[in-house]
Amino acid sequence: MNLRIASRRMIGLTIILLVLTTLLGLLFFGLFRWAIKDGQFDHPEEAKYVIFRNEQK
C-alpha cells in the first residue's frame, strides 16, 4: 500500500517538474527572442573597440 502512495507522489512530482521546466524554458526562449528583436546581437564585436574611439568632450 505504501508503495502505491509513493509511486503516485513521484508521478505527481515528475509532472510538476516537467511543467515548471517547460515554462522556464519558454521564458528563456522568449527573452532570447526579445534580445534578438531588440538588436542586442547585431554587433557583438563592437564593444571591445569602444575604448579606441577618440571622443572629444
Protein backbone atom coordinates (compact mmCIF):
# COMPACT_ATOMS: atom_id res chain seq x y z
CA MET A 1 0.00 0.00 0.00
CA ASN A 2 2.78 2.44 0.84
CA LEU A 3 4.44 1.69 -2.48
CA ARG A 4 1.36 2.87 -4.40
CA ILE A 5 1.19 6.11 -2.44
CA ALA A 6 4.89 6.74 -3.00
CA SER A 7 4.65 5.99 -6.73
CA ARG A 8 1.66 8.32 -7.15
CA ARG A 9 3.51 11.04 -5.29
CA MET A 10 6.58 10.56 -7.51
CA ILE A 11 4.45 10.74 -10.66
CA GLY A 12 2.84 13.94 -9.41
CA LEU A 13 6.21 15.49 -8.63
CA THR A 14 7.55 14.44 -12.03
CA ILE A 15 4.62 16.10 -13.80
CA ILE A 16 5.07 19.28 -11.76
CA LEU A 17 8.79 19.36 -12.55
CA LEU A 18 8.16 18.80 -16.26
CA VAL A 19 5.64 21.66 -16.36
CA LEU A 20 7.94 24.02 -14.45
CA THR A 21 10.91 23.11 -16.63
CA THR A 22 8.89 23.70 -19.78
CA LEU A 23 7.67 27.07 -18.53
CA LEU A 24 11.19 28.11 -17.57
CA GLY A 25 12.49 27.06 -20.98
CA LEU A 26 9.76 29.03 -22.71
CA LEU A 27 10.58 32.06 -20.57
CA PHE A 28 14.25 31.97 -21.55
CA PHE A 29 13.38 31.35 -25.18
CA GLY A 30 11.10 34.39 -25.09
CA LEU A 31 13.84 36.50 -23.53
CA PHE A 32 16.27 35.32 -26.20
CA ARG A 33 13.83 36.20 -28.98
CA TRP A 34 13.25 39.61 -27.38
CA ALA A 35 17.01 40.25 -27.24
CA ILE A 36 17.39 39.34 -30.91
CA LYS A 37 14.45 41.57 -31.88
CA ASP A 38 15.86 44.41 -29.77
CA GLY A 39 19.21 44.21 -31.59
CA GLN A 40 21.39 43.01 -28.73
CA PHE A 41 23.35 40.68 -31.01
CA ASP A 42 23.72 42.91 -34.06
CA HIS A 43 27.32 43.97 -33.44
CA PRO A 44 28.88 41.71 -30.80
CA GLU A 45 32.45 42.71 -31.67
CA GLU A 46 31.76 46.44 -31.35
CA ALA A 47 32.10 46.60 -27.55
CA LYS A 48 35.81 45.84 -27.49
CA TYR A 49 36.59 48.68 -29.93
CA VAL A 50 34.75 51.39 -28.00
CA ILE A 51 37.89 52.07 -25.93
CA PHE A 52 39.83 53.09 -29.05
CA ARG A 53 37.40 55.75 -30.20
CA ASN A 54 38.63 59.30 -29.87
CA GLU A 55 35.71 61.24 -28.49
CA GLN A 56 36.23 64.89 -27.61
CA LYS A 57 34.19 66.27 -24.73
